[in-house]
């Protein structure tokens, strides 16, 4: 795990419609560049996910109703859950408000 460094002008933060200034959000916005401006015409919210660590995984990856969706789960535009990472019940319940529903659109931007 490494640390990502970046610079951002305060004037850029002030113009952001969500008024977010956390590192994940800023890096995400910079990675999609002009595309995000186009998508923002149609999408009401970009979520970069919530922090999930290995400590949040279920013991021995025992199946639970909660799956940690990561970039490797999307192949050729299709959700692939052949080898899911299960989240323990406590963490899963705390994140249940972020559950993906039928009709949701999931985008991903893998890091170079």
Protein backbone atom coordinates (compact mmCIF):
# COMPACT_ATOMS: atom_id res chain seq x y z
CA UNK A 1 0.00 0.00 0.00
CA UNK A 2 1.35 3.41 -0.95
CA UNK A 3 0.47 7.00 -0.39
CA UNK A 4 -0.92 9.04 -3.26
CA UNK A 5 0.12 12.66 -3.38
CA UNK A 6 -1.63 15.44 -5.24
CA UNK A 7 -2.15 19.18 -5.26
CA UNK A 8 -5.50 20.90 -5.51
CA UNK A 9 -6.37 24.58 -5.50
CA UNK A 10 -8.86 25.73 -2.87
CA UNK A 11 -10.77 27.50 -5.65
CA UNK A 12 -11.34 24.07 -7.28
CA UNK A 13 -12.82 22.70 -4.06
CA UNK A 14 -15.13 25.68 -3.72
CA UNK A 15 -16.69 25.04 -7.14
CA UNK A 16 -17.36 21.35 -6.50
CA UNK A 17 -21.09 20.67 -6.34
CA UNK A 18 -20.65 18.10 -3.53
CA UNK A 19 -18.21 20.20 -1.47
CA UNK A 20 -16.11 17.12 -0.85
CA UNK A 21 -12.39 17.41 -0.28
CA UNK A 22 -11.37 13.89 0.72
CA UNK A 23 -8.46 12.30 -1.15
CA UNK A 24 -10.49 9.48 -2.75
CA UNK A 25 -12.97 11.91 -4.27
CA UNK A 26 -10.32 14.34 -5.54
CA UNK A 27 -8.22 11.56 -7.09
CA UNK A 28 -11.38 10.07 -8.64
CA UNK A 29 -12.42 13.40 -10.18
CA UNK A 30 -8.93 13.98 -11.57
CA UNK A 31 -8.81 10.46 -13.03
CA UNK A 32 -12.02 10.85 -15.04
CA UNK A 33 -11.24 14.40 -16.17
CA UNK A 34 -13.57 15.78 -18.82
CA UNK A 35 -15.70 12.63 -18.73
CA UNK A 36 -16.93 13.48 -15.22
CA UNK A 37 -18.20 16.86 -16.41
CA UNK A 38 -20.27 15.08 -19.06
CA UNK A 39 -21.50 12.39 -16.66
CA UNK A 40 -22.45 15.00 -14.05
CA UNK A 41 -25.15 16.16 -16.46
CA UNK A 42 -26.83 12.78 -16.00
CA UNK A 43 -25.63 11.40 -12.67
CA UNK A 44 -26.70 12.90 -9.35
CA UNK A 45 -23.94 11.34 -7.22
CA UNK A 46 -20.53 9.75 -7.57
CA UNK A 47 -19.58 7.41 -4.73
CA UNK A 48 -16.01 6.26 -4.42
CA UNK A 49 -16.85 3.57 -1.92
CA UNK A 50 -16.36 3.30 1.80
CA UNK A 51 -13.20 2.13 3.56
CA UNK A 52 -13.10 -1.65 3.81
CA UNK A 53 -9.97 -3.40 5.10
CA UNK A 54 -8.98 -7.04 5.42
CA UNK A 55 -10.11 -6.82 9.05
CA UNK A 56 -13.65 -6.32 7.71
CA UNK A 57 -13.59 -9.56 5.69
CA UNK A 58 -15.46 -12.56 7.01
CA UNK A 59 -13.37 -15.15 8.80
CA UNK A 60 -11.79 -17.55 6.26
CA UNK A 61 -13.93 -15.82 3.60
CA UNK A 62 -17.02 -17.62 4.89
CA UNK A 63 -20.03 -16.62 2.75
CA UNK A 64 -22.24 -13.85 4.13
CA UNK A 65 -24.88 -11.76 2.41
CA UNK A 66 -22.32 -8.96 1.99
CA UNK A 67 -19.73 -8.88 -0.81
CA UNK A 68 -16.87 -6.40 -1.20
CA UNK A 69 -17.21 -5.33 -4.83
CA UNK A 70 -13.82 -4.53 -6.34
CA UNK A 71 -12.58 -3.78 -9.87
CA UNK A 72 -11.67 -7.43 -10.50
CA UNK A 73 -15.38 -8.29 -10.14
CA UNK A 74 -16.15 -6.43 -13.38
CA UNK A 75 -14.90 -8.13 -16.51
CA UNK A 76 -15.83 -6.99 -20.00
CA UNK A 77 -18.64 -4.90 -18.55
CA UNK A 78 -20.20 -7.85 -16.71
CA UNK A 79 -20.39 -8.37 -12.95
CA UNK A 80 -18.36 -11.48 -12.13
CA UNK A 81 -18.75 -12.97 -8.65
CA UNK A 82 -16.88 -16.24 -9.26
CA UNK A 83 -14.42 -15.46 -6.46
CA UNK A 84 -16.12 -12.93 -4.14
CA UNK A 85 -14.66 -11.34 -1.04
CA UNK A 86 -17.20 -11.58 1.76
CA UNK A 87 -17.54 -8.88 4.41
CA UNK A 88 -18.34 -9.73 8.01
CA UNK A 89 -21.90 -9.09 9.23
CA UNK A 90 -21.05 -6.06 11.40
CA UNK A 91 -19.32 -4.15 8.60
CA UNK A 92 -21.91 -5.28 6.05
CA UNK A 93 -24.78 -4.05 8.18
CA UNK A 94 -23.07 -0.70 8.73
CA UNK A 95 -22.77 -0.27 4.94
CA UNK A 96 -26.18 -1.67 3.97
CA UNK A 97 -27.41 1.79 2.93
CA UNK A 98 -24.88 1.60 0.05
CA UNK A 99 -26.17 -1.73 -1.26
CA UNK A 100 -26.31 -1.94 -5.04
CA UNK A 101 -29.85 -2.38 -6.31
CA UNK A 102 -31.27 -3.55 -9.64
CA UNK A 103 -31.14 -0.61 -12.02
CA UNK A 104 -28.08 0.99 -10.40
CA UNK A 105 -25.23 1.89 -12.71
CA UNK A 106 -21.76 0.87 -11.55
CA UNK A 107 -18.72 2.52 -13.08
CA UNK A 108 -15.13 1.72 -12.36
CA UNK A 109 -11.87 3.41 -13.12
CA UNK A 110 -8.95 1.06 -12.52
CA UNK A 111 -5.74 2.70 -11.38
CA UNK A 112 -3.00 2.70 -14.04
